[in-house]
């Protein structure tokens, strides 16, 4: 059902809508059942929840896959020139999907002086959520627990700031947990999104508003539901100009004799970093004349992104083709173009 809505296959969506609503009701009802009494795909809900965690640091098995060790995980707070604060950032090696998470860890500071003075520092994150103040005693573990809400897929970093002093901090028992109180949250979010989009498309404003109210209660995610409140739109993910599954080329314009402008629309929320490669027709096959980064940060479905690139002399638009390539370790490489074996989209064809 979600795929049918995303692809604007309204006939298929209409056939599946009733089943999607029943599933959503079942998922909501499951949230009221104690996890020990719930079975998910034949597994106890408690087991499902207990395995919804990631422990850090990542184990290092060495080049031969036999040696096993846990690399050290720590930071050092230092002061930049002309700064009054000692700071450091712990960049975590993962990307988080939308949802609610809890970060648990034990931190320990090295002894700094002979005094038993507590080390006062503030802990924040890259999501811009409220900072909290902690007091750490040298040589003794201090437990921290930080609840975070992620509205869009992104990296996570923890920021440590101290007005008092600098020094080294080491971490142990570091975990990121999800599904602690939002079992089946990802599934509920996906169905709510599709049902709301479908209701907007049918002009059923009251039904869409009713679903939005329920979604806000079930899956707190203010920014996402605020956008739905404004009646956001879907992009037609079919036809010409589509780089599956992320972008659609909607406009090409020559703005100067040697410059051209292209405009894409995002087919989905949170597209990954992408590179654009442009080629011109040449003897022996297309020859690349441009490579640049397409700014996809903070894009939602239906948002536009514009890129200007050089236009080779004596070259018609019909002799130019484009490729889009994922520019990240967690993304696919070359994006697929319907009817093209090599992922190239020829302009004006």
C-alpha atoms as a PDB file:
ATOM      1  CA  UNK A   1       0.000   0.000   0.000  1.00  0.00           C
ATOM      2  CA  UNK A   2       2.790   2.408   0.893  1.00  0.00           C
ATOM      3  CA  UNK A   3       4.576   1.704  -2.404  1.00  0.00           C
ATOM      4  CA  UNK A   4       1.353   2.151  -4.365  1.00  0.00           C
ATOM      5  CA  UNK A   5       0.777   5.575  -2.798  1.00  0.00           C
ATOM      6  CA  UNK A   6       4.396   6.628  -3.344  1.00  0.00           C
ATOM      7  CA  UNK A   7       4.150   5.637  -7.026  1.00  0.00           C
ATOM      8  CA  UNK A   8       0.726   7.283  -7.409  1.00  0.00           C
ATOM      9  CA  UNK A   9      -0.863   3.974  -8.390  1.00  0.00           C
ATOM     10  CA  UNK A  10      -4.209   5.047  -6.975  1.00  0.00           C
ATOM     11  CA  UNK A  11      -6.122   2.019  -8.284  1.00  0.00           C
ATOM     12  CA  UNK A  12      -3.767  -0.347  -6.448  1.00  0.00           C
ATOM     13  CA  UNK A  13      -3.836   1.890  -3.370  1.00  0.00           C
ATOM     14  CA  UNK A  14      -7.649   1.803  -3.330  1.00  0.00           C
ATOM     15  CA  UNK A  15      -7.605  -2.010  -3.411  1.00  0.00           C
ATOM     16  CA  UNK A  16      -5.167  -2.199  -0.487  1.00  0.00           C
ATOM     17  CA  UNK A  17      -6.464   0.662   1.657  1.00  0.00           C
ATOM     18  CA  UNK A  18      -8.852  -1.397   3.771  1.00  0.00           C
ATOM     19  CA  UNK A  19      -6.144  -3.964   4.564  1.00  0.00           C
ATOM     20  CA  UNK A  20      -3.706  -1.163   5.423  1.00  0.00           C
ATOM     21  CA  UNK A  21      -6.214   0.345   7.861  1.00  0.00           C
ATOM     22  CA  UNK A  22      -6.768  -3.043   9.516  1.00  0.00           C
ATOM     23  CA  UNK A  23      -3.026  -3.519   9.901  1.00  0.00           C
ATOM     24  CA  UNK A  24      -2.658  -0.071  11.422  1.00  0.00           C
ATOM     25  CA  UNK A  25      -5.428  -0.857  13.934  1.00  0.00           C
ATOM     26  CA  UNK A  26      -3.651  -4.107  14.820  1.00  0.00           C
ATOM     27  CA  UNK A  27      -0.327  -2.304  15.262  1.00  0.00           C
ATOM     28  CA  UNK A  28      -1.964   0.264  17.531  1.00  0.00           C
ATOM     29  CA  UNK A  29      -3.638  -2.481  19.570  1.00  0.00           C
ATOM     30  CA  UNK A  30      -0.313  -4.320  19.873  1.00  0.00           C
ATOM     31  CA  UNK A  31       1.146  -1.238  21.529  1.00  0.00           C
ATOM     32  CA  UNK A  32      -1.251  -1.715  24.451  1.00  0.00           C
ATOM     33  CA  UNK A  33      -0.224  -5.332  25.054  1.00  0.00           C
ATOM     34  CA  UNK A  34       2.653  -6.101  27.474  1.00  0.00           C
ATOM     35  CA  UNK A  35       5.650  -7.055  25.350  1.00  0.00           C
ATOM     36  CA  UNK A  36       6.002 -10.399  27.137  1.00  0.00           C
ATOM     37  CA  UNK A  37       2.556 -11.385  25.834  1.00  0.00           C
ATOM     38  CA  UNK A  38       3.142 -10.224  22.259  1.00  0.00           C
ATOM     39  CA  UNK A  39       4.427 -12.333  19.370  1.00  0.00           C
ATOM     40  CA  UNK A  40       5.983 -10.672  16.289  1.00  0.00           C
ATOM     41  CA  UNK A  41       6.750 -12.947  13.338  1.00  0.00           C
ATOM     42  CA  UNK A  42       6.863 -15.858  15.774  1.00  0.00           C
ATOM     43  CA  UNK A  43       9.267 -14.106  18.172  1.00  0.00           C
ATOM     44  CA  UNK A  44       8.362 -12.822  21.648  1.00  0.00           C
ATOM     45  CA  UNK A  45       7.943  -9.062  21.794  1.00  0.00           C
ATOM     46  CA  UNK A  46      10.407  -8.897  24.683  1.00  0.00           C
ATOM     47  CA  UNK A  47      13.063 -10.554  22.523  1.00  0.00           C
ATOM     48  CA  UNK A  48      12.275  -8.183  19.661  1.00  0.00           C
ATOM     49  CA  UNK A  49      12.687  -5.206  21.979  1.00  0.00           C
ATOM     50  CA  UNK A  50      15.832  -6.563  23.656  1.00  0.00           C
ATOM     51  CA  UNK A  51      17.541  -7.001  20.283  1.00  0.00           C
ATOM     52  CA  UNK A  52      16.663  -3.467  19.176  1.00  0.00           C
ATOM     53  CA  UNK A  53      20.003  -2.082  20.258  1.00  0.00           C
ATOM     54  CA  UNK A  54      23.445  -1.277  18.957  1.00  0.00           C
ATOM     55  CA  UNK A  55      26.511  -1.625  21.152  1.00  0.00           C
ATOM     56  CA  UNK A  56      29.572   0.539  20.641  1.00  0.00           C
ATOM     57  CA  UNK A  57      32.411   0.624  19.856  1.00  0.00           C
ATOM     58  CA  UNK A  58      32.145  -1.555  16.785  1.00  0.00           C
ATOM     59  CA  UNK A  59      34.205  -4.758  17.209  1.00  0.00           C
ATOM     60  CA  UNK A  60      37.364  -4.968  15.134  1.00  0.00           C
ATOM     61  CA  UNK A  61      38.040  -8.481  13.831  1.00  0.00           C
ATOM     62  CA  UNK A  62      41.287  -7.571  12.078  1.00  0.00           C
ATOM     63  CA  UNK A  63      42.254  -8.149   8.462  1.00  0.00           C
ATOM     64  CA  UNK A  64      41.936 -11.943   8.726  1.00  0.00           C
ATOM     65  CA  UNK A  65      38.571 -11.945  10.511  1.00  0.00           C
ATOM     66  CA  UNK A  66      39.973 -13.936  13.438  1.00  0.00           C
ATOM     67  CA  UNK A  67      41.476 -11.438  15.865  1.00  0.00           C
ATOM     68  CA  UNK A  68      38.740  -9.828  17.929  1.00  0.00           C
ATOM     69  CA  UNK A  69      39.196  -6.640  19.895  1.00  0.00           C
ATOM     70  CA  UNK A  70      37.193  -3.650  21.062  1.00  0.00           C
ATOM     71  CA  UNK A  71      38.938  -0.456  20.003  1.00  0.00           C
ATOM     72  CA  UNK A  72      39.163   2.279  22.626  1.00  0.00           C
ATOM     73  CA  UNK A  73      36.416   4.880  22.595  1.00  0.00           C
ATOM     74  CA  UNK A  74      37.203   8.240  24.091  1.00  0.00           C
ATOM     75  CA  UNK A  75      37.505  11.968  23.571  1.00  0.00           C
ATOM     76  CA  UNK A  76      39.664  14.806  24.883  1.00  0.00           C
ATOM     77  CA  UNK A  77      38.139  18.172  25.739  1.00  0.00           C
ATOM     78  CA  UNK A  78      40.384  20.987  24.531  1.00  0.00           C
ATOM     79  CA  UNK A  79      40.091  24.741  24.245  1.00  0.00           C
ATOM     80  CA  UNK A  80      40.363  26.569  20.956  1.00  0.00           C
ATOM     81  CA  UNK A  81      42.204  29.869  20.742  1.00  0.00           C
ATOM     82  CA  UNK A  82      40.093  32.800  21.973  1.00  0.00           C
ATOM     83  CA  UNK A  83      37.509  30.408  23.414  1.00  0.00           C
ATOM     84  CA  UNK A  84      36.395  30.202  27.038  1.00  0.00           C
ATOM     85  CA  UNK A  85      35.101  26.635  26.754  1.00  0.00           C
ATOM     86  CA  UNK A  86      36.735  23.222  26.539  1.00  0.00           C
ATOM     87  CA  UNK A  87      34.879  21.144  23.959  1.00  0.00           C
ATOM     88  CA  UNK A  88      34.938  17.833  22.122  1.00  0.00           C
ATOM     89  CA  UNK A  89      32.600  15.918  19.822  1.00  0.00           C
ATOM     90  CA  UNK A  90      31.977  12.172  19.759  1.00  0.00           C
ATOM     91  CA  UNK A  91      30.902  11.216  16.224  1.00  0.00           C
ATOM     92  CA  UNK A  92      29.015   7.928  16.288  1.00  0.00           C
ATOM     93  CA  UNK A  93      29.565   5.518  13.358  1.00  0.00           C
ATOM     94  CA  UNK A  94      25.986   5.043  12.188  1.00  0.00           C
ATOM     95  CA  UNK A  95      23.023   6.780  10.582  1.00  0.00           C
ATOM     96  CA  UNK A  96      19.739   6.807  12.466  1.00  0.00           C
ATOM     97  CA  UNK A  97      16.377   6.332  10.795  1.00  0.00           C
ATOM     98  CA  UNK A  98      13.441   8.472  11.964  1.00  0.00           C
ATOM     99  CA  UNK A  99      12.319   7.379  15.410  1.00  0.00           C
ATOM    100  CA  UNK A 100      12.891   7.652  19.155  1.00  0.00           C
ATOM    101  CA  UNK A 101      16.168   6.419  20.631  1.00  0.00           C
ATOM    102  CA  UNK A 102      17.863   6.297  24.007  1.00  0.00           C
ATOM    103  CA  UNK A 103      21.637   6.606  24.337  1.00  0.00           C
ATOM    104  CA  UNK A 104      23.107   4.813  27.371  1.00  0.00           C
ATOM    105  CA  UNK A 105      26.763   4.925  28.373  1.00  0.00           C
ATOM    106  CA  UNK A 106      29.218   5.012  31.248  1.00  0.00           C
ATOM    107  CA  UNK A 107      31.922   7.648  31.093  1.00  0.00           C
ATOM    108  CA  UNK A 108      34.996   7.964  33.238  1.00  0.00           C
ATOM    109  CA  UNK A 109      37.489  10.823  33.490  1.00  0.00           C
ATOM    110  CA  UNK A 110      41.144  10.570  34.299  1.00  0.00           C
ATOM    111  CA  UNK A 111      42.415  12.104  37.503  1.00  0.00           C
ATOM    112  CA  UNK A 112      43.282  15.719  36.765  1.00  0.00           C
ATOM    113  CA  UNK A 113      44.692  16.971  40.059  1.00  0.00           C
ATOM    114  CA  UNK A 114      45.081  16.043  43.693  1.00  0.00           C
ATOM    115  CA  UNK A 115      41.826  17.760  44.564  1.00  0.00           C
ATOM    116  CA  UNK A 116      38.556  15.853  44.642  1.00  0.00           C
ATOM    117  CA  UNK A 117      36.821  18.528  42.611  1.00  0.00           C
ATOM    118  CA  UNK A 118      33.944  17.293  40.497  1.00  0.00           C
ATOM    119  CA  UNK A 119      34.231  17.926  36.774  1.00  0.00           C
ATOM    120  CA  UNK A 120      31.220  19.873  35.556  1.00  0.00           C
ATOM    121  CA  UNK A 121      30.323  19.550  31.888  1.00  0.00           C
ATOM    122  CA  UNK A 122      27.350  19.889  29.567  1.00  0.00           C
ATOM    123  CA  UNK A 123      26.190  17.179  27.170  1.00  0.00           C
ATOM    124  CA  UNK A 124      24.383  18.024  23.937  1.00  0.00           C
ATOM    125  CA  UNK A 125      23.934  16.480  20.514  1.00  0.00           C
ATOM    126  CA  UNK A 126      24.022  17.295  16.816  1.00  0.00           C
ATOM    127  CA  UNK A 127      20.199  17.319  16.685  1.00  0.00           C
ATOM    128  CA  UNK A 128      20.082  20.545  18.678  1.00  0.00           C
ATOM    129  CA  UNK A 129      18.117  19.113  21.592  1.00  0.00           C
ATOM    130  CA  UNK A 130      18.434  20.549  25.100  1.00  0.00           C
ATOM    131  CA  UNK A 131      21.760  20.201  26.861  1.00  0.00           C
ATOM    132  CA  UNK A 132      22.062  18.564  30.267  1.00  0.00           C
ATOM    133  CA  UNK A 133      24.660  19.226  32.958  1.00  0.00           C
ATOM    134  CA  UNK A 134      26.548  16.387  34.639  1.00  0.00           C
ATOM    135  CA  UNK A 135      29.130  16.213  37.455  1.00  0.00           C
ATOM    136  CA  UNK A 136      31.858  13.585  36.981  1.00  0.00           C
ATOM    137  CA  UNK A 137      34.160  12.376  39.761  1.00  0.00           C
ATOM    138  CA  UNK A 138      37.672  11.498  38.589  1.00  0.00           C
ATOM    139  CA  UNK A 139      38.295   7.769  38.174  1.00  0.00           C
ATOM    140  CA  UNK A 140      34.697   6.738  38.891  1.00  0.00           C
ATOM    141  CA  UNK A 141      32.172   5.677  36.200  1.00  0.00           C
ATOM    142  CA  UNK A 142      29.241   7.996  35.621  1.00  0.00           C
ATOM    143  CA  UNK A 143      26.121   6.743  33.849  1.00  0.00           C
ATOM    144  CA  UNK A 144      24.414   8.930  31.273  1.00  0.00           C
ATOM    145  CA  UNK A 145      21.104   8.336  29.518  1.00  0.00           C
ATOM    146  CA  UNK A 146      19.894  10.645  26.760  1.00  0.00           C
ATOM    147  CA  UNK A 147      16.613  10.335  24.892  1.00  0.00           C
ATOM    148  CA  UNK A 148      16.620  11.669  21.333  1.00  0.00           C
ATOM    149  CA  UNK A 149      13.970  12.074  18.638  1.00  0.00           C
ATOM    150  CA  UNK A 150      15.074  11.826  15.004  1.00  0.00           C
ATOM    151  CA  UNK A 151      12.767  13.364  12.384  1.00  0.00           C
ATOM    152  CA  UNK A 152      14.882  12.496   9.353  1.00  0.00           C
ATOM    153  CA  UNK A 153      17.640  10.016   8.611  1.00  0.00           C
ATOM    154  CA  UNK A 154      20.943  11.477   9.757  1.00  0.00           C
ATOM    155  CA  UNK A 155      24.198  10.970  11.611  1.00  0.00           C
ATOM    156  CA  UNK A 156      24.448  11.463  15.354  1.00  0.00           C
ATOM    157  CA  UNK A 157      27.173  13.163  17.370  1.00  0.00           C
ATOM    158  CA  UNK A 158      27.366  13.952  21.081  1.00  0.00           C
ATOM    159  CA  UNK A 159      28.882  17.259  22.167  1.00  0.00           C
ATOM    160  CA  UNK A 160      30.710  17.729  25.478  1.00  0.00           C
ATOM    161  CA  UNK A 161      31.407  21.236  26.819  1.00  0.00           C
ATOM    162  CA  UNK A 162      33.060  22.391  30.040  1.00  0.00           C
ATOM    163  CA  UNK A 163      33.742  25.900  31.329  1.00  0.00           C
ATOM    164  CA  UNK A 164      35.877  24.401  34.102  1.00  0.00           C
ATOM    165  CA  UNK A 165      38.737  22.480  32.489  1.00  0.00           C
ATOM    166  CA  UNK A 166      39.743  20.086  29.750  1.00  0.00           C
ATOM    167  CA  UNK A 167      40.802  16.485  29.917  1.00  0.00           C
ATOM    168  CA  UNK A 168      40.230  12.973  28.621  1.00  0.00           C
ATOM    169  CA  UNK A 169      36.977  11.038  28.872  1.00  0.00           C
ATOM    170  CA  UNK A 170      36.625   7.323  28.154  1.00  0.00           C
ATOM    171  CA  UNK A 171      33.361   5.498  27.403  1.00  0.00           C
ATOM    172  CA  UNK A 172      32.182   1.979  28.148  1.00  0.00           C
ATOM    173  CA  UNK A 173      28.856   0.088  27.988  1.00  0.00           C
ATOM    174  CA  UNK A 174      27.784   2.395  25.171  1.00  0.00           C
ATOM    175  CA  UNK A 175      24.420   1.454  23.683  1.00  0.00           C
ATOM    176  CA  UNK A 176      21.783   2.997  21.455  1.00  0.00           C
ATOM    177  CA  UNK A 177      18.344   1.449  21.975  1.00  0.00           C
ATOM    178  CA  UNK A 178      15.059   1.792  20.150  1.00  0.00           C
ATOM    179  CA  UNK A 179      11.655   0.121  20.396  1.00  0.00           C
ATOM    180  CA  UNK A 180      11.779   0.603  24.173  1.00  0.00           C
ATOM    181  CA  UNK A 181       8.312   2.155  24.248  1.00  0.00           C
ATOM    182  CA  UNK A 182       7.526   2.424  20.518  1.00  0.00           C
ATOM    183  CA  UNK A 183       7.293  -1.182  19.348  1.00  0.00           C
ATOM    184  CA  UNK A 184       6.229  -1.292  15.676  1.00  0.00           C
ATOM    185  CA  UNK A 185       6.713   2.475  15.536  1.00  0.00           C
ATOM    186  CA  UNK A 186       8.378   2.382  12.094  1.00  0.00           C
ATOM    187  CA  UNK A 187       5.495   0.345  10.676  1.00  0.00           C
ATOM    188  CA  UNK A 188       2.879   2.659  12.156  1.00  0.00           C
ATOM    189  CA  UNK A 189       4.708   5.712  10.825  1.00  0.00           C
ATOM    190  CA  UNK A 190       4.826   4.254   7.304  1.00  0.00           C
ATOM    191  CA  UNK A 191       1.114   3.436   7.256  1.00  0.00           C
ATOM    192  CA  UNK A 192       0.085   6.799   8.678  1.00  0.00           C
ATOM    193  CA  UNK A 193       2.168   8.578   6.039  1.00  0.00           C
ATOM    194  CA  UNK A 194       0.590   6.595   3.194  1.00  0.00           C
ATOM    195  CA  UNK A 195      -2.969   6.928   4.498  1.00  0.00           C
ATOM    196  CA  UNK A 196      -2.610  10.688   4.967  1.00  0.00           C
ATOM    197  CA  UNK A 197      -1.143  11.164   1.480  1.00  0.00           C
ATOM    198  CA  UNK A 198      -3.958   9.060   0.022  1.00  0.00           C
ATOM    199  CA  UNK A 199      -6.605  11.054   1.879  1.00  0.00           C
ATOM    200  CA  UNK A 200      -5.153  14.352   0.615  1.00  0.00           C
ATOM    201  CA  UNK A 201      -5.164  12.992  -2.932  1.00  0.00           C
ATOM    202  CA  UNK A 202      -8.845  12.022  -2.685  1.00  0.00           C
ATOM    203  CA  UNK A 203      -9.741  15.443  -1.314  1.00  0.00           C
ATOM    204  CA  UNK A 204     -10.851  13.875   1.970  1.00  0.00           C
ATOM    205  CA  UNK A 205      -9.640  16.761   4.121  1.00  0.00           C
ATOM    206  CA  UNK A 206     -11.469  15.745   7.296  1.00  0.00           C
ATOM    207  CA  UNK A 207     -10.163  12.173   7.056  1.00  0.00           C
ATOM    208  CA  UNK A 208      -6.608  13.456   6.563  1.00  0.00           C
ATOM    209  CA  UNK A 209      -6.893  15.776   9.576  1.00  0.00           C
ATOM    210  CA  UNK A 210      -8.288  12.959  11.709  1.00  0.00           C
ATOM    211  CA  UNK A 211      -5.388  10.686  10.718  1.00  0.00           C
ATOM    212  CA  UNK A 212      -2.941  13.481  11.505  1.00  0.00           C
ATOM    213  CA  UNK A 213      -4.323  13.851  15.023  1.00  0.00           C
ATOM    214  CA  UNK A 214      -3.943  10.112  15.619  1.00  0.00           C
ATOM    215  CA  UNK A 215      -0.458  10.098  14.089  1.00  0.00           C
ATOM    216  CA  UNK A 216       0.721  12.887  16.411  1.00  0.00           C
ATOM    217  CA  UNK A 217      -0.384  10.829  19.418  1.00  0.00           C
ATOM    218  CA  UNK A 218       0.956   7.513  18.145  1.00  0.00           C
ATOM    219  CA  UNK A 219       4.288   8.702  16.689  1.00  0.00           C
ATOM    220  CA  UNK A 220       5.398  12.059  18.110  1.00  0.00           C
ATOM    221  CA  UNK A 221       7.303  13.740  15.292  1.00  0.00           C
ATOM    222  CA  UNK A 222       6.351  17.375  15.130  1.00  0.00           C
ATOM    223  CA  UNK A 223       8.264  18.491  12.062  1.00  0.00           C
ATOM    224  CA  UNK A 224       7.078  15.660   9.858  1.00  0.00           C
ATOM    225  CA  UNK A 225       3.405  15.923  10.816  1.00  0.00           C
ATOM    226  CA  UNK A 226       3.540  19.728  10.571  1.00  0.00           C
ATOM    227  CA  UNK A 227       4.473  19.337   6.932  1.00  0.00           C
ATOM    228  CA  UNK A 228       1.558  16.980   6.352  1.00  0.00           C
ATOM    229  CA  UNK A 229      -0.696  19.528   8.076  1.00  0.00           C
ATOM    230  CA  UNK A 230       0.148  21.941   5.284  1.00  0.00           C
ATOM    231  CA  UNK A 231      -0.984  19.456   2.648  1.00  0.00           C
ATOM    232  CA  UNK A 232       2.407  18.568   1.174  1.00  0.00           C
ATOM    233  CA  UNK A 233       2.421  17.059  -2.261  1.00  0.00           C
ATOM    234  CA  UNK A 234       3.601  13.895  -3.944  1.00  0.00           C
ATOM    235  CA  UNK A 235       5.915  13.891  -6.931  1.00  0.00           C
ATOM    236  CA  UNK A 236       4.996  11.689  -9.868  1.00  0.00           C
ATOM    237  CA  UNK A 237       7.681   9.011  -9.684  1.00  0.00           C
ATOM    238  CA  UNK A 238       6.913   7.606 -13.119  1.00  0.00           C
ATOM    239  CA  UNK A 239       7.646   8.576 -16.711  1.00  0.00           C
ATOM    240  CA  UNK A 240      10.632  10.339 -18.231  1.00  0.00           C
ATOM    241  CA  UNK A 241      13.367  12.065 -16.284  1.00  0.00           C
ATOM    242  CA  UNK A 242      13.243   9.805 -13.227  1.00  0.00           C
ATOM    243  CA  UNK A 243      16.419   8.657 -11.488  1.00  0.00           C
ATOM    244  CA  UNK A 244      15.088   5.817  -9.349  1.00  0.00           C
ATOM    245  CA  UNK A 245      14.416   5.908  -6.508  1.00  0.00           C
ATOM    246  CA  UNK A 246      15.332   9.454  -5.437  1.00  0.00           C
ATOM    247  CA  UNK A 247      15.098  12.222  -8.034  1.00  0.00           C
ATOM    248  CA  UNK A 248      13.167  13.454 -11.050  1.00  0.00           C
ATOM    249  CA  UNK A 249      14.566  15.920 -13.587  1.00  0.00           C
ATOM    250  CA  UNK A 250      11.807  18.459 -14.228  1.00  0.00           C
ATOM    251  CA  UNK A 251      13.492  21.388 -15.966  1.00  0.00           C
ATOM    252  CA  UNK A 252      16.511  22.115 -18.166  1.00  0.00           C
ATOM    253  CA  UNK A 253      17.293  25.683 -19.222  1.00  0.00           C
ATOM    254  CA  UNK A 254      20.116  27.447 -21.068  1.00  0.00           C
ATOM    255  CA  UNK A 255      20.756  30.639 -19.083  1.00  0.00           C
ATOM    256  CA  UNK A 256      23.897  31.856 -20.894  1.00  0.00           C
ATOM    257  CA  UNK A 257      25.713  30.733 -24.023  1.00  0.00           C
ATOM    258  CA  UNK A 258      28.107  28.759 -21.818  1.00  0.00           C
ATOM    259  CA  UNK A 259      25.870  27.948 -18.808  1.00  0.00           C
ATOM    260  CA  UNK A 260      22.849  25.738 -18.214  1.00  0.00           C
ATOM    261  CA  UNK A 261      20.546  25.192 -15.250  1.00  0.00           C
ATOM    262  CA  UNK A 262      18.850  21.935 -14.267  1.00  0.00           C
ATOM    263  CA  UNK A 263      16.161  21.426 -11.634  1.00  0.00           C
ATOM    264  CA  UNK A 264      15.305  18.215  -9.841  1.00  0.00           C
ATOM    265  CA  UNK A 265      12.410  17.334  -7.555  1.00  0.00           C
ATOM    266  CA  UNK A 266      12.856  14.880  -4.714  1.00  0.00           C
ATOM    267  CA  UNK A 267      10.747  11.730  -4.981  1.00  0.00           C
ATOM    268  CA  UNK A 268      11.177  10.906  -1.284  1.00  0.00           C
ATOM    269  CA  UNK A 269      12.084  12.486   2.014  1.00  0.00           C
ATOM    270  CA  UNK A 270      15.727  12.546   3.044  1.00  0.00           C
ATOM    271  CA  UNK A 271      17.520  11.662  -0.198  1.00  0.00           C
ATOM    272  CA  UNK A 272      21.165  10.673   0.290  1.00  0.00           C
ATOM    273  CA  UNK A 273      24.116  12.788  -0.893  1.00  0.00           C
ATOM    274  CA  UNK A 274      24.256  12.621  -4.695  1.00  0.00           C
ATOM    275  CA  UNK A 275      26.777  13.531  -7.379  1.00  0.00           C
ATOM    276  CA  UNK A 276      25.821  14.726 -10.855  1.00  0.00           C
ATOM    277  CA  UNK A 277      27.939  13.755 -13.827  1.00  0.00           C
ATOM    278  CA  UNK A 278      27.344  15.378 -17.198  1.00  0.00           C
ATOM    279  CA  UNK A 279      28.518  14.001 -20.546  1.00  0.00           C
ATOM    280  CA  UNK A 280      28.501  15.291 -24.099  1.00  0.00           C
ATOM    281  CA  UNK A 281      28.207  13.293 -27.257  1.00  0.00           C
ATOM    282  CA  UNK A 282      31.623  12.516 -28.702  1.00  0.00           C
ATOM    283  CA  UNK A 283      33.352  10.181 -31.094  1.00  0.00           C
ATOM    284  CA  UNK A 284      33.832   6.833 -29.360  1.00  0.00           C
ATOM    285  CA  UNK A 285      31.105   7.439 -26.789  1.00  0.00           C
ATOM    286  CA  UNK A 286      29.912  10.061 -24.277  1.00  0.00           C
ATOM    287  CA  UNK A 287      32.702  12.155 -22.749  1.00  0.00           C
ATOM    288  CA  UNK A 288      32.374  13.557 -19.222  1.00  0.00           C
ATOM    289  CA  UNK A 289      32.727  17.327 -18.917  1.00  0.00           C
ATOM    290  CA  UNK A 290      31.328  18.003 -15.446  1.00  0.00           C
ATOM    291  CA  UNK A 291      31.003  16.455 -11.976  1.00  0.00           C
ATOM    292  CA  UNK A 292      29.401  18.217  -9.011  1.00  0.00           C
ATOM    293  CA  UNK A 293      27.514  17.643  -5.782  1.00  0.00           C
ATOM    294  CA  UNK A 294      23.739  17.922  -5.711  1.00  0.00           C
ATOM    295  CA  UNK A 295      22.740  19.583  -2.441  1.00  0.00           C
ATOM    296  CA  UNK A 296      20.164  17.154  -1.009  1.00  0.00           C
ATOM    297  CA  UNK A 297      20.446  18.020   2.690  1.00  0.00           C
ATOM    298  CA  UNK A 298      17.093  18.533   4.437  1.00  0.00           C
ATOM    299  CA  UNK A 299      15.055  17.861   1.285  1.00  0.00           C
ATOM    300  CA  UNK A 300      11.507  16.584   1.641  1.00  0.00           C
ATOM    301  CA  UNK A 301       9.362  14.900  -0.957  1.00  0.00           C
ATOM    302  CA  UNK A 302       8.386  17.445  -3.604  1.00  0.00           C
ATOM    303  CA  UNK A 303      11.179  19.906  -2.780  1.00  0.00           C
ATOM    304  CA  UNK A 304      13.281  21.268  -5.640  1.00  0.00           C
ATOM    305  CA  UNK A 305      17.041  21.514  -5.938  1.00  0.00           C
ATOM    306  CA  UNK A 306      18.747  23.550  -8.672  1.00  0.00           C
ATOM    307  CA  UNK A 307      22.215  23.113 -10.103  1.00  0.00           C
ATOM    308  CA  UNK A 308      24.084  25.242 -12.647  1.00  0.00           C
ATOM    309  CA  UNK A 309      26.741  23.673 -14.823  1.00  0.00           C
ATOM    310  CA  UNK A 310      28.848  24.637 -17.831  1.00  0.00           C
ATOM    311  CA  UNK A 311      27.531  24.171 -21.344  1.00  0.00           C
ATOM    312  CA  UNK A 312      30.266  23.051 -23.750  1.00  0.00           C
ATOM    313  CA  UNK A 313      30.646  25.228 -26.828  1.00  0.00           C
ATOM    314  CA  UNK A 314      28.874  24.138 -30.005  1.00  0.00           C
ATOM    315  CA  UNK A 315      26.891  21.535 -28.053  1.00  0.00           C
ATOM    316  CA  UNK A 316      23.132  21.113 -28.233  1.00  0.00           C
ATOM    317  CA  UNK A 317      21.120  20.036 -25.193  1.00  0.00           C
ATOM    318  CA  UNK A 318      20.079  16.909 -27.057  1.00  0.00           C
ATOM    319  CA  UNK A 319      23.773  15.902 -27.144  1.00  0.00           C
ATOM    320  CA  UNK A 320      24.103  16.020 -23.353  1.00  0.00           C
ATOM    321  CA  UNK A 321      23.293  13.267 -20.858  1.00  0.00           C
ATOM    322  CA  UNK A 322      23.312  13.076 -17.059  1.00  0.00           C
ATOM    323  CA  UNK A 323      24.003  10.480 -14.414  1.00  0.00           C
ATOM    324  CA  UNK A 324      23.199  10.604 -10.686  1.00  0.00           C
ATOM    325  CA  UNK A 325      25.429   8.652  -8.324  1.00  0.00           C
ATOM    326  CA  UNK A 326      25.076   8.008  -4.597  1.00  0.00           C
ATOM    327  CA  UNK A 327      27.855   9.843  -2.765  1.00  0.00           C
ATOM    328  CA  UNK A 328      27.973   7.899   0.507  1.00  0.00           C
ATOM    329  CA  UNK A 329      28.921   4.501   1.859  1.00  0.00           C
ATOM    330  CA  UNK A 330      25.331   3.736   2.892  1.00  0.00           C
ATOM    331  CA  UNK A 331      23.767   4.563  -0.492  1.00  0.00           C
ATOM    332  CA  UNK A 332      23.517   2.796  -3.817  1.00  0.00           C
ATOM    333  CA  UNK A 333      25.962   3.765  -6.532  1.00  0.00           C
ATOM    334  CA  UNK A 334      24.541   4.769  -9.874  1.00  0.00           C
ATOM    335  CA  UNK A 335      20.811   5.570  -9.875  1.00  0.00           C
ATOM    336  CA  UNK A 336      18.695   3.688 -12.393  1.00  0.00           C
ATOM    337  CA  UNK A 337      17.046   5.343 -15.389  1.00  0.00           C
ATOM    338  CA  UNK A 338      14.151   3.544 -17.079  1.00  0.00           C
ATOM    339  CA  UNK A 339      15.156   2.260 -20.520  1.00  0.00           C
ATOM    340  CA  UNK A 340      18.873   2.961 -20.008  1.00  0.00           C
ATOM    341  CA  UNK A 341      21.432   0.230 -19.429  1.00  0.00           C
ATOM    342  CA  UNK A 342      24.158   2.612 -18.312  1.00  0.00           C
ATOM    343  CA  UNK A 343      22.077   4.970 -16.104  1.00  0.00           C
ATOM    344  CA  UNK A 344      22.422   7.922 -18.492  1.00  0.00           C
ATOM    345  CA  UNK A 345      19.510  10.239 -19.176  1.00  0.00           C
ATOM    346  CA  UNK A 346      19.779  12.109 -22.478  1.00  0.00           C
ATOM    347  CA  UNK A 347      18.299  15.604 -22.398  1.00  0.00           C
ATOM    348  CA  UNK A 348      15.572  16.497 -24.827  1.00  0.00           C
ATOM    349  CA  UNK A 349      14.818  12.874 -25.689  1.00  0.00           C
END
